[in-house]
Amino acid sequence: KNAMSDERIATVKKAFQKLDKAGKGHLSLDFLISNYNAELHPRVRTREKTIEQVQTEFERAIRNKSKDGHHISELEFLDYYADVSACLPTEREDHFNNVSRS
């Protein structure tokens, strides 16, 4: 995997902290999956993928990063987005930021 840029790491950490309102250092997978908005994903917007495809891909990938099967730590969250980042060219920071905010 290529390392994420500092900008991408900061974006992901900010998103995690925003979601971790209680400051527990982990997020419930059920919470993440139920609040994930696949409609905002760039490939849904361009009609390359359906909402259902993106939702299913997100659920599978985020569950695979969880060590306990119920929660995801900030480090696991960063690892998930490192995979996302590896698929997106560095010149597409706006695209990455849209994916990480969906």
C-alpha atoms as a PDB file:
ATOM      1  CA  LYS A   1       0.000   0.000   0.000  1.00  0.00           C
ATOM      2  CA  ASN A   2       1.131   3.507  -0.655  1.00  0.00           C
ATOM      3  CA  ALA A   3       1.135   5.790   2.331  1.00  0.00           C
ATOM      4  CA  MET A   4      -1.657   8.353   2.433  1.00  0.00           C
ATOM      5  CA  SER A   5      -0.750  12.000   2.104  1.00  0.00           C
ATOM      6  CA  ASP A   6      -0.805  14.112   5.255  1.00  0.00           C
ATOM      7  CA  GLU A   7      -3.900  15.860   3.900  1.00  0.00           C
ATOM      8  CA  ARG A   8      -5.733  12.559   3.479  1.00  0.00           C
ATOM      9  CA  ILE A   9      -4.723  11.340   6.947  1.00  0.00           C
ATOM     10  CA  ALA A  10      -5.941  14.614   8.461  1.00  0.00           C
ATOM     11  CA  THR A  11      -9.267  14.305   6.589  1.00  0.00           C
ATOM     12  CA  VAL A  12      -9.813  10.741   7.832  1.00  0.00           C
ATOM     13  CA  LYS A  13      -8.841  11.586  11.425  1.00  0.00           C
ATOM     14  CA  LYS A  14     -11.191  14.557  11.397  1.00  0.00           C
ATOM     15  CA  ALA A  15     -14.033  12.370  10.101  1.00  0.00           C
ATOM     16  CA  PHE A  16     -13.346   9.746  12.796  1.00  0.00           C
ATOM     17  CA  GLN A  17     -13.308  12.353  15.565  1.00  0.00           C
ATOM     18  CA  LYS A  18     -16.529  13.878  14.272  1.00  0.00           C
ATOM     19  CA  LEU A  19     -18.205  10.454  14.362  1.00  0.00           C
ATOM     20  CA  ASP A  20     -16.712   9.530  17.765  1.00  0.00           C
ATOM     21  CA  LYS A  21     -18.775  12.079  19.671  1.00  0.00           C
ATOM     22  CA  ALA A  22     -18.321  10.249  22.995  1.00  0.00           C
ATOM     23  CA  GLY A  23     -14.539  10.118  22.573  1.00  0.00           C
ATOM     24  CA  LYS A  24     -14.378   6.332  23.083  1.00  0.00           C
ATOM     25  CA  GLY A  25     -11.684   5.805  20.454  1.00  0.00           C
ATOM     26  CA  HIS A  26     -13.833   3.348  18.519  1.00  0.00           C
ATOM     27  CA  LEU A  27     -17.033   3.355  16.501  1.00  0.00           C
ATOM     28  CA  SER A  28     -19.803   0.792  16.327  1.00  0.00           C
ATOM     29  CA  LEU A  29     -19.865  -0.979  12.959  1.00  0.00           C
ATOM     30  CA  ASP A  30     -23.673  -0.944  13.044  1.00  0.00           C
ATOM     31  CA  PHE A  31     -23.593   2.844  13.565  1.00  0.00           C
ATOM     32  CA  LEU A  32     -21.120   3.359  10.716  1.00  0.00           C
ATOM     33  CA  ILE A  33     -22.980   1.113   8.299  1.00  0.00           C
ATOM     34  CA  SER A  34     -26.397   2.589   9.083  1.00  0.00           C
ATOM     35  CA  ASN A  35     -25.061   6.145   8.720  1.00  0.00           C
ATOM     36  CA  TYR A  36     -22.994   5.582   5.585  1.00  0.00           C
ATOM     37  CA  ASN A  37     -24.511   7.572   2.729  1.00  0.00           C
ATOM     38  CA  ALA A  38     -23.720   5.726  -0.485  1.00  0.00           C
ATOM     39  CA  GLU A  39     -25.658   8.336  -2.491  1.00  0.00           C
ATOM     40  CA  LEU A  40     -22.748  10.754  -1.983  1.00  0.00           C
ATOM     41  CA  HIS A  41     -20.160   8.331  -3.377  1.00  0.00           C
ATOM     42  CA  PRO A  42     -18.608   9.702  -6.593  1.00  0.00           C
ATOM     43  CA  ARG A  43     -19.173   6.442  -8.506  1.00  0.00           C
ATOM     44  CA  VAL A  44     -22.867   6.516  -7.622  1.00  0.00           C
ATOM     45  CA  ARG A  45     -23.077  10.112  -8.802  1.00  0.00           C
ATOM     46  CA  THR A  46     -21.517   9.143 -12.132  1.00  0.00           C
ATOM     47  CA  ARG A  47     -23.770   6.064 -12.303  1.00  0.00           C
ATOM     48  CA  GLU A  48     -20.789   3.696 -12.532  1.00  0.00           C
ATOM     49  CA  LYS A  49     -22.205   1.841  -9.501  1.00  0.00           C
ATOM     50  CA  THR A  50     -25.563   1.574  -7.775  1.00  0.00           C
ATOM     51  CA  ILE A  51     -26.214   2.753  -4.239  1.00  0.00           C
ATOM     52  CA  GLU A  52     -26.674  -0.890  -3.230  1.00  0.00           C
ATOM     53  CA  GLN A  53     -23.319  -1.915  -4.734  1.00  0.00           C
ATOM     54  CA  VAL A  54     -21.453   0.844  -2.925  1.00  0.00           C
ATOM     55  CA  GLN A  55     -23.284   0.176   0.358  1.00  0.00           C
ATOM     56  CA  THR A  56     -22.495  -3.560   0.170  1.00  0.00           C
ATOM     57  CA  GLU A  57     -18.846  -2.905  -0.735  1.00  0.00           C
ATOM     58  CA  PHE A  58     -18.498  -0.466   2.176  1.00  0.00           C
ATOM     59  CA  GLU A  59     -20.092  -2.862   4.658  1.00  0.00           C
ATOM     60  CA  ARG A  60     -17.898  -5.779   3.589  1.00  0.00           C
ATOM     61  CA  ALA A  61     -14.693  -3.728   3.577  1.00  0.00           C
ATOM     62  CA  ILE A  62     -15.302  -1.940   6.886  1.00  0.00           C
ATOM     63  CA  ARG A  63     -16.250  -5.218   8.636  1.00  0.00           C
ATOM     64  CA  ASN A  64     -13.027  -6.794   7.336  1.00  0.00           C
ATOM     65  CA  LYS A  65     -10.992  -4.088   9.093  1.00  0.00           C
ATOM     66  CA  SER A  66     -12.608  -4.681  12.495  1.00  0.00           C
ATOM     67  CA  LYS A  67     -10.707  -6.990  14.835  1.00  0.00           C
ATOM     68  CA  ASP A  68     -13.668  -7.697  17.140  1.00  0.00           C
ATOM     69  CA  GLY A  69     -16.444  -7.684  14.526  1.00  0.00           C
ATOM     70  CA  HIS A  70     -18.455  -5.024  16.376  1.00  0.00           C
ATOM     71  CA  HIS A  71     -16.305  -1.878  16.541  1.00  0.00           C
ATOM     72  CA  ILE A  72     -13.640  -0.121  14.528  1.00  0.00           C
ATOM     73  CA  SER A  73     -10.767   1.783  16.097  1.00  0.00           C
ATOM     74  CA  GLU A  74      -9.260   4.948  14.668  1.00  0.00           C
ATOM     75  CA  LEU A  75      -6.293   2.907  13.424  1.00  0.00           C
ATOM     76  CA  GLU A  76      -8.607   0.391  11.703  1.00  0.00           C
ATOM     77  CA  PHE A  77     -10.601   3.300  10.243  1.00  0.00           C
ATOM     78  CA  LEU A  78      -7.362   4.792   8.891  1.00  0.00           C
ATOM     79  CA  ASP A  79      -6.424   1.380   7.470  1.00  0.00           C
ATOM     80  CA  TYR A  80      -9.764   1.168   5.651  1.00  0.00           C
ATOM     81  CA  TYR A  81      -9.220   4.617   4.117  1.00  0.00           C
ATOM     82  CA  ALA A  82      -5.611   3.738   3.220  1.00  0.00           C
ATOM     83  CA  ASP A  83      -7.142   1.076   0.951  1.00  0.00           C
ATOM     84  CA  VAL A  84      -9.539   3.670  -0.503  1.00  0.00           C
ATOM     85  CA  SER A  85      -6.649   6.083  -0.964  1.00  0.00           C
ATOM     86  CA  ALA A  86      -4.559   3.485  -2.800  1.00  0.00           C
ATOM     87  CA  CYS A  87      -7.299   3.301  -5.450  1.00  0.00           C
ATOM     88  CA  LEU A  88      -7.411   7.051  -6.016  1.00  0.00           C
ATOM     89  CA  PRO A  89      -4.632   9.061  -7.640  1.00  0.00           C
ATOM     90  CA  THR A  90      -3.041  11.760  -5.511  1.00  0.00           C
ATOM     91  CA  GLU A  91      -4.152  14.442  -7.949  1.00  0.00           C
ATOM     92  CA  ARG A  92      -7.745  13.551  -7.053  1.00  0.00           C
ATOM     93  CA  GLU A  93      -7.758  14.901  -3.478  1.00  0.00           C
ATOM     94  CA  ASP A  94     -11.273  16.268  -3.988  1.00  0.00           C
ATOM     95  CA  HIS A  95     -12.486  12.807  -5.059  1.00  0.00           C
ATOM     96  CA  PHE A  96     -10.874  11.168  -1.995  1.00  0.00           C
ATOM     97  CA  ASN A  97     -12.356  13.790   0.288  1.00  0.00           C
ATOM     98  CA  ASN A  98     -15.824  13.145  -1.182  1.00  0.00           C
ATOM     99  CA  VAL A  99     -15.448   9.400  -0.615  1.00  0.00           C
ATOM    100  CA  SER A 100     -14.250   9.850   2.955  1.00  0.00           C
ATOM    101  CA  ARG A 101     -17.165  12.151   3.766  1.00  0.00           C
ATOM    102  CA  SER A 102     -19.857   9.810   2.393  1.00  0.00           C
END
